[in-house]
Amino acid sequence: MKTVVVGVCGSVAAVRVPELVRELSRRNFTVQCAMSEAAKGIIHPNVLEWASQSPVITGLSGMVEHVQLLGVGGKADLLLICPATSNTISKIACGIDDTAITTMAATALGSGKKVIIVPAMHISMYDNVFVKENIQKLKKAGVIFVGPKLEGTKAKIADETDIVKAVEKAAKHGKK
């Protein structure tokens, strides 16, 4: 059974993550969720604990969760950041790891583990030249992007089916 860490950021699209986590579980993935502070303002950690059947990481501690999960030899196979905000995408691209999610991304990238990012934000943020540059920078580093779906003034979260397919494909192919 493969293990995926699902990092949830503070986009309103976070409300769709519990169903995604349940679907990954149905497909025989062990899911460990982590949440940013902003995500906790949108959905409660208890919902993701129910969906994943695992305690949710809401901050890093002396247990060095990021290393245990995504470090070299860590028990997780990949990191899925869903939904990803422009803030988180840009921090990861610039090597800033000042949150649980960005530290997990830095650890996964440094360990050669697959990272999948699913953006969701207002179109004005997605079309920001610096965010676009950061997305390209991450793609060049091997980060997989799924979506977004561009609709009106929104860069919406990708369809659950597309996200699950990307996770299954990445899990089959192991390290980047």
N, C-alpha and C. Protein backbone atom coordinates (compact mmCIF):
# COMPACT_ATOMS: atom_id res chain seq x y z
N MET A 1 0.86 -1.19 0.00
CA MET A 1 0.00 0.00 0.00
C MET A 1 0.89 1.24 0.00
N LYS A 2 0.60 2.18 -0.88
CA LYS A 2 1.36 3.43 -1.00
C LYS A 2 0.80 4.46 -0.03
N THR A 3 1.69 5.33 0.44
CA THR A 3 1.30 6.40 1.36
C THR A 3 1.46 7.74 0.68
N VAL A 4 0.41 8.55 0.74
CA VAL A 4 0.44 9.91 0.20
C VAL A 4 0.15 10.89 1.32
N VAL A 5 0.96 11.95 1.37
CA VAL A 5 0.70 13.05 2.29
C VAL A 5 -0.09 14.08 1.50
N VAL A 6 -1.24 14.48 2.03
CA VAL A 6 -2.07 15.50 1.40
C VAL A 6 -1.93 16.78 2.21
N GLY A 7 -1.30 17.77 1.61
CA GLY A 7 -1.12 19.08 2.23
C GLY A 7 -2.23 20.00 1.78
N VAL A 8 -3.00 20.52 2.72
CA VAL A 8 -4.17 21.34 2.41
C VAL A 8 -3.87 22.79 2.76
N CYS A 9 -4.03 23.67 1.77
CA CYS A 9 -3.78 25.10 1.97
C CYS A 9 -5.10 25.86 2.08
N GLY A 10 -5.01 27.15 2.37
CA GLY A 10 -6.17 27.97 2.67
C GLY A 10 -6.92 28.54 1.49
N SER A 11 -7.31 27.70 0.57
CA SER A 11 -8.22 28.08 -0.51
C SER A 11 -9.60 27.54 -0.16
N VAL A 12 -10.63 28.22 -0.61
CA VAL A 12 -11.99 27.74 -0.34
C VAL A 12 -12.19 26.34 -0.94
N ALA A 13 -11.38 25.99 -1.92
CA ALA A 13 -11.47 24.65 -2.52
C ALA A 13 -11.11 23.55 -1.51
N ALA A 14 -10.60 23.92 -0.36
CA ALA A 14 -10.29 22.92 0.68
C ALA A 14 -11.52 22.12 1.07
N VAL A 15 -12.71 22.67 0.86
CA VAL A 15 -13.93 21.95 1.20
C VAL A 15 -14.08 20.68 0.37
N ARG A 16 -13.38 20.57 -0.74
CA ARG A 16 -13.47 19.37 -1.60
C ARG A 16 -12.48 18.28 -1.21
N VAL A 17 -11.56 18.59 -0.33
CA VAL A 17 -10.49 17.64 -0.01
C VAL A 17 -10.97 16.40 0.75
N PRO A 18 -11.90 16.50 1.70
CA PRO A 18 -12.31 15.27 2.39
C PRO A 18 -12.80 14.17 1.43
N GLU A 19 -13.55 14.54 0.42
CA GLU A 19 -14.01 13.54 -0.54
C GLU A 19 -12.84 12.96 -1.34
N LEU A 20 -11.88 13.80 -1.69
CA LEU A 20 -10.68 13.33 -2.39
C LEU A 20 -9.90 12.35 -1.53
N VAL A 21 -9.75 12.66 -0.26
CA VAL A 21 -9.04 11.78 0.67
C VAL A 21 -9.75 10.43 0.78
N ARG A 22 -11.07 10.46 0.87
CA ARG A 22 -11.83 9.20 0.94
C ARG A 22 -11.63 8.38 -0.34
N GLU A 23 -11.61 9.04 -1.49
CA GLU A 23 -11.42 8.33 -2.75
C GLU A 23 -10.01 7.72 -2.82
N LEU A 24 -9.01 8.44 -2.38
CA LEU A 24 -7.66 7.87 -2.35
C LEU A 24 -7.61 6.66 -1.43
N SER A 25 -8.30 6.73 -0.31
CA SER A 25 -8.36 5.58 0.62
C SER A 25 -9.04 4.39 -0.03
N ARG A 26 -10.12 4.65 -0.75
CA ARG A 26 -10.82 3.57 -1.46
C ARG A 26 -9.91 2.91 -2.50
N ARG A 27 -8.95 3.66 -2.99
CA ARG A 27 -8.02 3.13 -4.00
C ARG A 27 -6.74 2.58 -3.36
N ASN A 28 -6.86 2.23 -2.09
CA ASN A 28 -5.78 1.57 -1.33
C ASN A 28 -4.55 2.42 -1.06
N PHE A 29 -4.73 3.73 -0.94
CA PHE A 29 -3.66 4.59 -0.47
C PHE A 29 -3.83 4.81 1.02
N THR A 30 -2.75 4.83 1.73
CA THR A 30 -2.75 5.31 3.10
C THR A 30 -2.57 6.82 2.98
N VAL A 31 -3.45 7.59 3.63
CA VAL A 31 -3.40 9.04 3.49
C VAL A 31 -3.10 9.68 4.84
N GLN A 32 -2.11 10.57 4.83
CA GLN A 32 -1.77 11.38 5.99
C GLN A 32 -2.00 12.82 5.59
N CYS A 33 -2.85 13.53 6.30
CA CYS A 33 -3.16 14.93 5.96
C CYS A 33 -2.36 15.89 6.83
N ALA A 34 -2.03 17.01 6.22
CA ALA A 34 -1.40 18.14 6.91
C ALA A 34 -2.15 19.38 6.46
N MET A 35 -2.30 20.35 7.35
CA MET A 35 -3.07 21.56 7.04
C MET A 35 -2.29 22.81 7.39
N SER A 36 -2.47 23.83 6.58
CA SER A 36 -1.92 25.14 6.93
C SER A 36 -2.86 25.81 7.94
N GLU A 37 -2.37 26.86 8.56
CA GLU A 37 -3.22 27.62 9.49
C GLU A 37 -4.45 28.16 8.76
N ALA A 38 -4.25 28.66 7.54
CA ALA A 38 -5.36 29.22 6.78
C ALA A 38 -6.39 28.14 6.43
N ALA A 39 -5.93 26.94 6.14
CA ALA A 39 -6.86 25.84 5.82
C ALA A 39 -7.75 25.52 7.01
N LYS A 40 -7.20 25.62 8.22
CA LYS A 40 -7.99 25.34 9.42
C LYS A 40 -9.14 26.33 9.60
N GLY A 41 -9.04 27.49 8.95
CA GLY A 41 -10.13 28.47 8.99
C GLY A 41 -11.24 28.14 8.00
N ILE A 42 -10.98 27.18 7.12
CA ILE A 42 -11.97 26.81 6.11
C ILE A 42 -12.64 25.48 6.45
N ILE A 43 -11.84 24.48 6.81
CA ILE A 43 -12.40 23.20 7.26
C ILE A 43 -11.70 22.80 8.55
N HIS A 44 -12.38 22.09 9.37
CA HIS A 44 -11.82 21.67 10.66
C HIS A 44 -10.95 20.43 10.47
N PRO A 45 -9.83 20.35 11.19
CA PRO A 45 -8.97 19.16 11.10
C PRO A 45 -9.70 17.84 11.38
N ASN A 46 -10.74 17.88 12.20
CA ASN A 46 -11.49 16.66 12.51
C ASN A 46 -12.10 16.02 11.26
N VAL A 47 -12.48 16.84 10.29
CA VAL A 47 -13.07 16.31 9.05
C VAL A 47 -12.02 15.51 8.29
N LEU A 48 -10.80 16.04 8.21
CA LEU A 48 -9.74 15.31 7.51
C LEU A 48 -9.26 14.10 8.31
N GLU A 49 -9.34 14.19 9.63
CA GLU A 49 -9.01 13.01 10.45
C GLU A 49 -10.01 11.90 10.18
N TRP A 50 -11.29 12.25 10.10
CA TRP A 50 -12.31 11.25 9.76
C TRP A 50 -12.06 10.66 8.37
N ALA A 51 -11.78 11.54 7.40
CA ALA A 51 -11.61 11.08 6.02
C ALA A 51 -10.39 10.19 5.86
N SER A 52 -9.30 10.51 6.56
CA SER A 52 -8.04 9.76 6.40
C SER A 52 -7.86 8.66 7.44
N GLN A 53 -8.63 8.73 8.50
CA GLN A 53 -8.49 7.79 9.62
C GLN A 53 -7.11 7.90 10.28
N SER A 54 -6.54 9.12 10.22
CA SER A 54 -5.24 9.41 10.84
C SER A 54 -5.26 10.81 11.44
N PRO A 55 -4.52 11.00 12.53
CA PRO A 55 -4.43 12.36 13.09
C PRO A 55 -3.87 13.32 12.03
N VAL A 56 -4.37 14.54 12.03
CA VAL A 56 -3.95 15.54 11.05
C VAL A 56 -2.81 16.37 11.62
N ILE A 57 -1.81 16.59 10.79
CA ILE A 57 -0.67 17.42 11.18
C ILE A 57 -1.06 18.88 10.92
N THR A 58 -1.07 19.67 11.98
CA THR A 58 -1.43 21.09 11.84
C THR A 58 -0.24 21.99 12.11
N GLY A 59 0.88 21.41 12.40
CA GLY A 59 2.13 22.14 12.62
C GLY A 59 3.21 21.11 12.87
N LEU A 60 4.44 21.53 12.68
CA LEU A 60 5.55 20.60 12.89
C LEU A 60 5.99 20.65 14.35
N SER A 61 6.48 19.53 14.83
CA SER A 61 6.88 19.43 16.24
C SER A 61 8.26 18.79 16.32
N GLY A 62 8.66 18.48 17.52
CA GLY A 62 9.92 17.79 17.75
C GLY A 62 9.92 16.38 17.18
N MET A 63 8.77 15.90 16.72
CA MET A 63 8.68 14.58 16.10
C MET A 63 9.18 14.62 14.65
N VAL A 64 9.54 15.81 14.17
CA VAL A 64 10.00 16.03 12.79
C VAL A 64 9.18 15.24 11.77
N GLU A 65 7.89 15.50 11.79
CA GLU A 65 6.94 14.79 10.93
C GLU A 65 7.34 14.85 9.46
N HIS A 66 7.86 16.00 9.03
CA HIS A 66 8.23 16.15 7.62
C HIS A 66 9.33 15.16 7.22
N VAL A 67 10.27 14.90 8.11
CA VAL A 67 11.36 13.96 7.82
C VAL A 67 10.84 12.52 7.92
N GLN A 68 10.06 12.23 8.96
CA GLN A 68 9.51 10.87 9.11
C GLN A 68 8.68 10.47 7.89
N LEU A 69 7.95 11.42 7.33
CA LEU A 69 7.08 11.12 6.21
C LEU A 69 7.78 11.24 4.86
N LEU A 70 8.49 12.34 4.65
CA LEU A 70 8.97 12.67 3.30
C LEU A 70 10.48 12.77 3.17
N GLY A 71 11.20 12.52 4.26
CA GLY A 71 12.65 12.53 4.17
C GLY A 71 13.16 11.27 3.50
N VAL A 72 14.45 11.21 3.26
CA VAL A 72 15.05 10.01 2.68
C VAL A 72 14.69 8.83 3.59
N GLY A 73 14.09 7.81 3.03
CA GLY A 73 13.65 6.66 3.81
C GLY A 73 12.34 6.87 4.55
N GLY A 74 11.71 8.03 4.37
CA GLY A 74 10.44 8.31 5.03
C GLY A 74 9.33 7.40 4.51
N LYS A 75 8.26 7.27 5.30
CA LYS A 75 7.25 6.28 4.97
C LYS A 75 6.29 6.71 3.86
N ALA A 76 6.26 7.99 3.49
CA ALA A 76 5.36 8.43 2.42
C ALA A 76 6.03 8.29 1.06
N ASP A 77 5.21 8.00 0.06
CA ASP A 77 5.70 7.85 -1.31
C ASP A 77 5.65 9.15 -2.10
N LEU A 78 4.71 10.02 -1.74
CA LEU A 78 4.61 11.28 -2.46
C LEU A 78 3.84 12.30 -1.66
N LEU A 79 3.97 13.56 -2.11
CA LEU A 79 3.27 14.68 -1.49
C LEU A 79 2.30 15.28 -2.51
N LEU A 80 1.04 15.41 -2.11
CA LEU A 80 0.01 16.05 -2.91
C LEU A 80 -0.41 17.32 -2.17
N ILE A 81 -0.21 18.47 -2.78
CA ILE A 81 -0.64 19.72 -2.16
C ILE A 81 -1.90 20.16 -2.89
N CYS A 82 -3.02 20.09 -2.16
CA CYS A 82 -4.34 20.27 -2.76
C CYS A 82 -5.32 20.82 -1.74
N PRO A 83 -5.87 21.98 -1.94
CA PRO A 83 -5.54 22.94 -2.97
C PRO A 83 -4.28 23.71 -2.61
N ALA A 84 -3.59 24.20 -3.63
CA ALA A 84 -2.38 25.00 -3.41
C ALA A 84 -2.68 26.45 -3.74
N THR A 85 -2.32 27.34 -2.85
CA THR A 85 -2.52 28.77 -3.06
C THR A 85 -1.31 29.37 -3.77
N SER A 86 -1.49 30.58 -4.27
CA SER A 86 -0.36 31.27 -4.91
C SER A 86 0.76 31.49 -3.90
N ASN A 87 0.41 31.75 -2.67
CA ASN A 87 1.39 31.96 -1.61
C ASN A 87 2.26 30.72 -1.41
N THR A 88 1.62 29.57 -1.28
CA THR A 88 2.37 28.32 -1.06
C THR A 88 3.20 27.95 -2.27
N ILE A 89 2.64 28.08 -3.45
CA ILE A 89 3.39 27.77 -4.68
C ILE A 89 4.65 28.63 -4.75
N SER A 90 4.49 29.92 -4.50
CA SER A 90 5.63 30.83 -4.60
C SER A 90 6.67 30.57 -3.52
N LYS A 91 6.23 30.26 -2.32
CA LYS A 91 7.19 29.93 -1.26
C LYS A 91 8.00 28.69 -1.61
N ILE A 92 7.34 27.67 -2.11
CA ILE A 92 8.04 26.43 -2.47
C ILE A 92 9.06 26.72 -3.57
N ALA A 93 8.66 27.49 -4.58
CA ALA A 93 9.55 27.80 -5.70
C ALA A 93 10.77 28.59 -5.25
N CYS A 94 10.62 29.36 -4.19
CA CYS A 94 11.73 30.18 -3.68
C CYS A 94 12.50 29.51 -2.54
N GLY A 95 12.14 28.27 -2.23
CA GLY A 95 12.85 27.55 -1.18
C GLY A 95 12.51 27.99 0.22
N ILE A 96 11.38 28.64 0.39
CA ILE A 96 10.95 29.10 1.72
C ILE A 96 10.13 27.99 2.36
N ASP A 97 10.54 27.58 3.56
CA ASP A 97 9.81 26.50 4.25
C ASP A 97 9.47 26.93 5.67
N ASP A 98 8.50 27.84 5.75
CA ASP A 98 8.11 28.39 7.05
C ASP A 98 6.74 27.94 7.52
N THR A 99 6.17 26.93 6.87
CA THR A 99 4.90 26.34 7.30
C THR A 99 5.04 24.83 7.23
N ALA A 100 4.11 24.13 7.81
CA ALA A 100 4.16 22.65 7.73
C ALA A 100 4.14 22.20 6.28
N ILE A 101 3.32 22.83 5.45
CA ILE A 101 3.18 22.41 4.05
C ILE A 101 4.45 22.72 3.27
N THR A 102 4.99 23.92 3.41
CA THR A 102 6.19 24.28 2.64
C THR A 102 7.41 23.50 3.12
N THR A 103 7.47 23.18 4.41
CA THR A 103 8.58 22.37 4.92
C THR A 103 8.47 20.94 4.40
N MET A 104 7.27 20.42 4.31
CA MET A 104 7.09 19.08 3.74
C MET A 104 7.50 19.07 2.27
N ALA A 105 7.16 20.14 1.54
CA ALA A 105 7.54 20.23 0.13
C ALA A 105 9.06 20.29 -0.01
N ALA A 106 9.71 21.11 0.81
CA ALA A 106 11.16 21.21 0.74
C ALA A 106 11.82 19.87 1.03
N THR A 107 11.28 19.15 1.99
CA THR A 107 11.82 17.84 2.36
C THR A 107 11.59 16.82 1.25
N ALA A 108 10.39 16.80 0.68
CA ALA A 108 10.09 15.86 -0.41
C ALA A 108 10.98 16.13 -1.61
N LEU A 109 11.11 17.39 -1.99
CA LEU A 109 11.94 17.74 -3.14
C LEU A 109 13.40 17.37 -2.90
N GLY A 110 13.89 17.62 -1.68
CA GLY A 110 15.27 17.28 -1.34
C GLY A 110 15.52 15.79 -1.23
N SER A 111 14.45 15.02 -1.06
CA SER A 111 14.57 13.56 -0.93
C SER A 111 14.27 12.84 -2.25
N GLY A 112 13.95 13.60 -3.28
CA GLY A 112 13.65 13.00 -4.57
C GLY A 112 12.28 12.36 -4.65
N LYS A 113 11.38 12.75 -3.74
CA LYS A 113 10.02 12.19 -3.79
C LYS A 113 9.15 13.03 -4.72
N LYS A 114 8.15 12.38 -5.29
CA LYS A 114 7.23 13.07 -6.19
C LYS A 114 6.41 14.09 -5.42
N VAL A 115 6.20 15.24 -6.07
CA VAL A 115 5.34 16.29 -5.53
C VAL A 115 4.33 16.65 -6.60
N ILE A 116 3.06 16.64 -6.21
CA ILE A 116 1.96 17.03 -7.10
C ILE A 116 1.30 18.26 -6.48
N ILE A 117 1.09 19.29 -7.30
CA ILE A 117 0.45 20.51 -6.84
C ILE A 117 -0.83 20.74 -7.63
N VAL A 118 -1.91 21.03 -6.91
CA VAL A 118 -3.22 21.29 -7.51
C VAL A 118 -3.61 22.73 -7.14
N PRO A 119 -3.34 23.68 -8.05
CA PRO A 119 -3.65 25.09 -7.73
C PRO A 119 -5.14 25.37 -7.68
N ALA A 120 -5.52 26.32 -6.83
CA ALA A 120 -6.88 26.83 -6.77
C ALA A 120 -6.82 28.23 -6.17
N MET A 121 -7.25 29.22 -6.97
CA MET A 121 -7.17 30.61 -6.52
C MET A 121 -7.97 31.49 -7.47
N HIS A 122 -8.06 32.76 -7.15
CA HIS A 122 -8.69 33.72 -8.05
C HIS A 122 -7.79 33.87 -9.28
N ILE A 123 -8.38 34.10 -10.44
CA ILE A 123 -7.62 34.19 -11.69
C ILE A 123 -6.58 35.31 -11.65
N SER A 124 -6.86 36.39 -10.95
CA SER A 124 -5.89 37.49 -10.88
C SER A 124 -4.61 37.06 -10.17
N MET A 125 -4.72 36.15 -9.24
CA MET A 125 -3.52 35.61 -8.58
C MET A 125 -2.82 34.62 -9.49
N TYR A 126 -3.59 33.75 -10.13
CA TYR A 126 -3.00 32.75 -11.01
C TYR A 126 -2.29 33.40 -12.20
N ASP A 127 -2.83 34.51 -12.70
CA ASP A 127 -2.24 35.20 -13.84
C ASP A 127 -1.11 36.16 -13.45
N ASN A 128 -0.80 36.27 -12.19
CA ASN A 128 0.31 37.10 -11.74
C ASN A 128 1.60 36.58 -12.37
N VAL A 129 2.37 37.45 -13.00
CA VAL A 129 3.57 37.04 -13.71
C VAL A 129 4.54 36.26 -12.81
N PHE A 130 4.63 36.63 -11.55
CA PHE A 130 5.56 35.95 -10.64
C PHE A 130 5.07 34.56 -10.26
N VAL A 131 3.76 34.42 -10.10
CA VAL A 131 3.20 33.09 -9.82
C VAL A 131 3.42 32.20 -11.04
N LYS A 132 3.17 32.71 -12.24
CA LYS A 132 3.41 31.94 -13.47
C LYS A 132 4.87 31.49 -13.56
N GLU A 133 5.80 32.41 -13.27
CA GLU A 133 7.23 32.07 -13.29
C GLU A 133 7.54 30.99 -12.26
N ASN A 134 6.94 31.09 -11.08
CA ASN A 134 7.19 30.10 -10.03
C ASN A 134 6.63 28.73 -10.41
N ILE A 135 5.49 28.70 -11.07
CA ILE A 135 4.93 27.43 -11.54
C ILE A 135 5.89 26.80 -12.55
N GLN A 136 6.38 27.59 -13.48
CA GLN A 136 7.33 27.06 -14.48
C GLN A 136 8.61 26.56 -13.82
N LYS A 137 9.08 27.30 -12.84
CA LYS A 137 10.28 26.89 -12.10
C LYS A 137 10.08 25.53 -11.42
N LEU A 138 8.93 25.35 -10.81
CA LEU A 138 8.62 24.08 -10.14
C LEU A 138 8.45 22.95 -11.15
N LYS A 139 7.82 23.23 -12.28
CA LYS A 139 7.68 22.20 -13.31
C LYS A 139 9.06 21.75 -13.80
N LYS A 140 9.96 22.70 -13.99
CA LYS A 140 11.33 22.36 -14.43
C LYS A 140 12.04 21.49 -13.39
N ALA A 141 11.66 21.63 -12.14
CA ALA A 141 12.25 20.83 -11.05
C ALA A 141 11.56 19.48 -10.91
N GLY A 142 10.59 19.19 -11.76
CA GLY A 142 9.92 17.89 -11.73
C GLY A 142 8.61 17.84 -10.98
N VAL A 143 8.15 18.97 -10.48
CA VAL A 143 6.86 19.01 -9.78
C VAL A 143 5.74 18.84 -10.81
N ILE A 144 4.77 18.01 -10.48
CA ILE A 144 3.63 17.74 -11.35
C ILE A 144 2.50 18.68 -10.97
N PHE A 145 1.91 19.35 -11.97
CA PHE A 145 0.76 20.21 -11.73
C PHE A 145 -0.47 19.58 -12.34
N VAL A 146 -1.58 19.62 -11.60
CA VAL A 146 -2.86 19.14 -12.09
C VAL A 146 -3.81 20.33 -12.02
N GLY A 147 -4.29 20.76 -13.18
CA GLY A 147 -5.17 21.92 -13.25
C GLY A 147 -4.37 23.20 -13.21
N PRO A 148 -5.07 24.27 -12.98
CA PRO A 148 -6.46 24.42 -12.58
C PRO A 148 -7.41 24.45 -13.79
N LYS A 149 -8.71 24.44 -13.46
CA LYS A 149 -9.75 24.65 -14.47
C LYS A 149 -10.05 26.14 -14.46
N LEU A 150 -9.83 26.79 -15.60
CA LEU A 150 -10.06 28.24 -15.68
C LEU A 150 -11.52 28.49 -16.08
N GLU A 151 -12.25 29.13 -15.16
CA GLU A 151 -13.66 29.44 -15.38
C GLU A 151 -13.95 30.84 -14.87
N GLY A 152 -14.20 31.76 -15.81
CA GLY A 152 -14.51 33.13 -15.43
C GLY A 152 -13.36 33.76 -14.66
N THR A 153 -13.66 34.18 -13.44
CA THR A 153 -12.64 34.84 -12.62
C THR A 153 -11.95 33.87 -11.66
N LYS A 154 -12.09 32.58 -11.91
CA LYS A 154 -11.55 31.57 -10.99
C LYS A 154 -10.58 30.62 -11.70
N ALA A 155 -9.55 30.26 -11.00
CA ALA A 155 -8.66 29.15 -11.39
C ALA A 155 -9.04 28.05 -10.40
N LYS A 156 -10.03 27.24 -10.79
CA LYS A 156 -10.65 26.28 -9.88
C LYS A 156 -9.84 25.00 -9.76
N ILE A 157 -10.05 24.33 -8.64
CA ILE A 157 -9.41 23.05 -8.38
C ILE A 157 -9.77 22.06 -9.50
N ALA A 158 -8.81 21.23 -9.87
CA ALA A 158 -9.04 20.22 -10.91
C ALA A 158 -10.09 19.22 -10.45
N ASP A 159 -10.63 18.49 -11.40
CA ASP A 159 -11.59 17.43 -11.09
C ASP A 159 -10.92 16.34 -10.26
N GLU A 160 -11.68 15.79 -9.32
CA GLU A 160 -11.18 14.72 -8.46
C GLU A 160 -10.59 13.56 -9.27
N THR A 161 -11.24 13.19 -10.35
CA THR A 161 -10.77 12.09 -11.19
C THR A 161 -9.36 12.37 -11.72
N ASP A 162 -9.12 13.60 -12.17
CA ASP A 162 -7.80 13.96 -12.70
C ASP A 162 -6.73 13.94 -11.61
N ILE A 163 -7.10 14.36 -10.42
CA ILE A 163 -6.15 14.37 -9.29
C ILE A 163 -5.80 12.93 -8.92
N VAL A 164 -6.80 12.08 -8.80
CA VAL A 164 -6.57 10.68 -8.43
C VAL A 164 -5.70 9.99 -9.47
N LYS A 165 -5.97 10.23 -10.75
CA LYS A 165 -5.15 9.64 -11.82
C LYS A 165 -3.69 10.07 -11.70
N ALA A 166 -3.46 11.34 -11.41
CA ALA A 166 -2.09 11.84 -11.27
C ALA A 166 -1.39 11.19 -10.08
N VAL A 167 -2.11 11.01 -8.98
CA VAL A 167 -1.53 10.36 -7.80
C VAL A 167 -1.20 8.90 -8.11
N GLU A 168 -2.11 8.21 -8.76
CA GLU A 168 -1.87 6.79 -9.10
C GLU A 168 -0.68 6.66 -10.04
N LYS A 169 -0.59 7.51 -11.02
CA LYS A 169 0.54 7.46 -11.98
C LYS A 169 1.87 7.77 -11.27
N ALA A 170 1.88 8.80 -10.44
CA ALA A 170 3.10 9.16 -9.72
C ALA A 170 3.52 8.05 -8.75
N ALA A 171 2.56 7.44 -8.10
CA ALA A 171 2.86 6.36 -7.14
C ALA A 171 3.46 5.15 -7.85
N LYS A 172 3.01 4.89 -9.07
CA LYS A 172 3.55 3.76 -9.85
C LYS A 172 4.99 3.99 -10.26
N HIS A 173 5.33 5.27 -10.53
CA HIS A 173 6.64 5.58 -11.08
C HIS A 173 7.66 5.97 -10.01
N GLY A 174 7.27 5.97 -8.76
CA GLY A 174 8.23 6.20 -7.66
C GLY A 174 8.85 7.57 -7.67
N LYS A 175 10.16 7.60 -7.38
CA LYS A 175 10.88 8.87 -7.25
C LYS A 175 10.94 9.60 -8.58
N LYS A 176 11.14 10.93 -8.46
CA LYS A 176 11.18 11.75 -9.68
C LYS A 176 12.42 11.51 -10.48
